[in-house]
Amino acid sequence: MAPSPPPSFISNGIVNYNFLLRIRILRLTAW
């Protein structure tokens, strides 16, 4: 779809990074 996949790939990486951080925080709070 997008002519330049790198930017979308980077944005996806940032979203996944934030998602993992939230999961880690939730796990820490769960403990």
PDB file of N, CA and C in Angstrom:
ATOM      1  N   MET A   1       0.836  -1.198   0.000  1.00  0.00           N
ATOM      2  CA  MET A   1       0.000   0.000   0.000  1.00  0.00           C
ATOM      3  C   MET A   1       0.875   1.254   0.000  1.00  0.00           C
ATOM      4  N   ALA A   2       1.714   1.388   1.015  1.00  0.00           N
ATOM      5  CA  ALA A   2       2.571   2.581   1.106  1.00  0.00           C
ATOM      6  C   ALA A   2       3.820   2.382   0.254  1.00  0.00           C
ATOM      7  N   PRO A   3       4.227   3.411  -0.497  1.00  0.00           N
ATOM      8  CA  PRO A   3       5.423   3.306  -1.346  1.00  0.00           C
ATOM      9  C   PRO A   3       6.689   3.165  -0.519  1.00  0.00           C
ATOM     10  N   SER A   4       6.690   3.692   0.711  1.00  0.00           N
ATOM     11  CA  SER A   4       7.885   3.597   1.558  1.00  0.00           C
ATOM     12  C   SER A   4       7.517   2.877   2.857  1.00  0.00           C
ATOM     13  N   PRO A   5       7.795   1.589   2.956  1.00  0.00           N
ATOM     14  CA  PRO A   5       7.450   0.821   4.150  1.00  0.00           C
ATOM     15  C   PRO A   5       8.245   1.172   5.403  1.00  0.00           C
ATOM     16  N   PRO A   6       9.484   1.668   5.291  1.00  0.00           N
ATOM     17  CA  PRO A   6      10.259   1.968   6.505  1.00  0.00           C
ATOM     18  C   PRO A   6       9.510   2.826   7.526  1.00  0.00           C
ATOM     19  N   PRO A   7       8.915   3.969   7.145  1.00  0.00           N
ATOM     20  CA  PRO A   7       8.225   4.817   8.134  1.00  0.00           C
ATOM     21  C   PRO A   7       7.109   4.056   8.845  1.00  0.00           C
ATOM     22  N   SER A   8       6.297   3.324   8.087  1.00  0.00           N
ATOM     23  CA  SER A   8       5.205   2.575   8.718  1.00  0.00           C
ATOM     24  C   SER A   8       5.789   1.511   9.640  1.00  0.00           C
ATOM     25  N   PHE A   9       6.883   0.890   9.214  1.00  0.00           N
ATOM     26  CA  PHE A   9       7.522  -0.142  10.049  1.00  0.00           C
ATOM     27  C   PHE A   9       7.997   0.468  11.362  1.00  0.00           C
ATOM     28  N   ILE A  10       8.601   1.660  11.285  1.00  0.00           N
ATOM     29  CA  ILE A  10       9.088   2.331  12.504  1.00  0.00           C
ATOM     30  C   ILE A  10       7.910   2.670  13.412  1.00  0.00           C
ATOM     31  N   SER A  11       6.829   3.190  12.829  1.00  0.00           N
ATOM     32  CA  SER A  11       5.658   3.552  13.650  1.00  0.00           C
ATOM     33  C   SER A  11       5.094   2.299  14.306  1.00  0.00           C
ATOM     34  N   ASN A  12       5.051   1.194  13.567  1.00  0.00           N
ATOM     35  CA  ASN A  12       4.556  -0.063  14.146  1.00  0.00           C
ATOM     36  C   ASN A  12       5.460  -0.493  15.289  1.00  0.00           C
ATOM     37  N   GLY A  13       6.772  -0.335  15.131  1.00  0.00           N
ATOM     38  CA  GLY A  13       7.707  -0.707  16.194  1.00  0.00           C
ATOM     39  C   GLY A  13       7.461   0.125  17.443  1.00  0.00           C
ATOM     40  N   ILE A  14       7.202   1.434  17.253  1.00  0.00           N
ATOM     41  CA  ILE A  14       6.947   2.312  18.410  1.00  0.00           C
ATOM     42  C   ILE A  14       5.669   1.867  19.115  1.00  0.00           C
ATOM     43  N   VAL A  15       4.638   1.545  18.340  1.00  0.00           N
ATOM     44  CA  VAL A  15       3.367   1.107  18.946  1.00  0.00           C
ATOM     45  C   VAL A  15       3.584  -0.186  19.724  1.00  0.00           C
ATOM     46  N   ASN A  16       4.315  -1.138  19.120  1.00  0.00           N
ATOM     47  CA  ASN A  16       4.573  -2.408  19.810  1.00  0.00           C
ATOM     48  C   ASN A  16       5.395  -2.166  21.065  1.00  0.00           C
ATOM     49  N   TYR A  17       6.376  -1.239  20.999  1.00  0.00           N
ATOM     50  CA  TYR A  17       7.215  -0.945  22.168  1.00  0.00           C
ATOM     51  C   TYR A  17       6.357  -0.403  23.308  1.00  0.00           C
ATOM     52  N   ASN A  18       5.468   0.547  22.971  1.00  0.00           N
ATOM     53  CA  ASN A  18       4.583   1.107  24.007  1.00  0.00           C
ATOM     54  C   ASN A  18       3.672   0.020  24.564  1.00  0.00           C
ATOM     55  N   PHE A  19       3.187  -0.869  23.697  1.00  0.00           N
ATOM     56  CA  PHE A  19       2.302  -1.949  24.150  1.00  0.00           C
ATOM     57  C   PHE A  19       3.039  -2.854  25.135  1.00  0.00           C
ATOM     58  N   LEU A  20       4.293  -3.211  24.804  1.00  0.00           N
ATOM     59  CA  LEU A  20       5.073  -4.076  25.703  1.00  0.00           C
ATOM     60  C   LEU A  20       5.334  -3.362  27.020  1.00  0.00           C
ATOM     61  N   LEU A  21       5.616  -2.057  26.957  1.00  0.00           N
ATOM     62  CA  LEU A  21       5.865  -1.308  28.194  1.00  0.00           C
ATOM     63  C   LEU A  21       4.622  -1.329  29.069  1.00  0.00           C
ATOM     64  N   ARG A  22       3.458  -1.152  28.466  1.00  0.00           N
ATOM     65  CA  ARG A  22       2.213  -1.157  29.253  1.00  0.00           C
ATOM     66  C   ARG A  22       2.002  -2.528  29.884  1.00  0.00           C
ATOM     67  N   ILE A  23       2.282  -3.592  29.136  1.00  0.00           N
ATOM     68  CA  ILE A  23       2.112  -4.950  29.684  1.00  0.00           C
ATOM     69  C   ILE A  23       3.058  -5.136  30.867  1.00  0.00           C
ATOM     70  N   ARG A  24       4.301  -4.672  30.723  1.00  0.00           N
ATOM     71  CA  ARG A  24       5.268  -4.820  31.824  1.00  0.00           C
ATOM     72  C   ARG A  24       4.793  -4.046  33.041  1.00  0.00           C
ATOM     73  N   ILE A  25       4.296  -2.836  32.833  1.00  0.00           N
ATOM     74  CA  ILE A  25       3.822  -2.015  33.965  1.00  0.00           C
ATOM     75  C   ILE A  25       2.633  -2.710  34.623  1.00  0.00           C
ATOM     76  N   LEU A  26       1.715  -3.247  33.796  1.00  0.00           N
ATOM     77  CA  LEU A  26       0.545  -3.934  34.364  1.00  0.00           C
ATOM     78  C   LEU A  26       1.002  -5.136  35.179  1.00  0.00           C
ATOM     79  N   ARG A  27       1.996  -5.863  34.686  1.00  0.00           N
ATOM     80  CA  ARG A  27       2.489  -7.031  35.421  1.00  0.00           C
ATOM     81  C   ARG A  27       3.135  -6.591  36.729  1.00  0.00           C
ATOM     82  N   LEU A  28       3.897  -5.510  36.684  1.00  0.00           N
ATOM     83  CA  LEU A  28       4.548  -5.030  37.912  1.00  0.00           C
ATOM     84  C   LEU A  28       3.492  -4.614  38.925  1.00  0.00           C
ATOM     85  N   THR A  29       2.450  -3.932  38.459  1.00  0.00           N
ATOM     86  CA  THR A  29       1.395  -3.492  39.381  1.00  0.00           C
ATOM     87  C   THR A  29       0.617  -4.708  39.880  1.00  0.00           C
ATOM     88  N   ALA A  30       0.482  -5.730  39.021  1.00  0.00           N
ATOM     89  CA  ALA A  30      -0.246  -6.940  39.426  1.00  0.00           C
ATOM     90  C   ALA A  30       0.494  -7.617  40.584  1.00  0.00           C
ATOM     91  N   TRP A  31       1.821  -7.616  40.529  1.00  0.00           N
ATOM     92  CA  TRP A  31       2.587  -8.216  41.621  1.00  0.00           C
ATOM     93  C   TRP A  31       2.307  -7.452  42.903  1.00  0.00           C
TER      94      TRP A  31
END
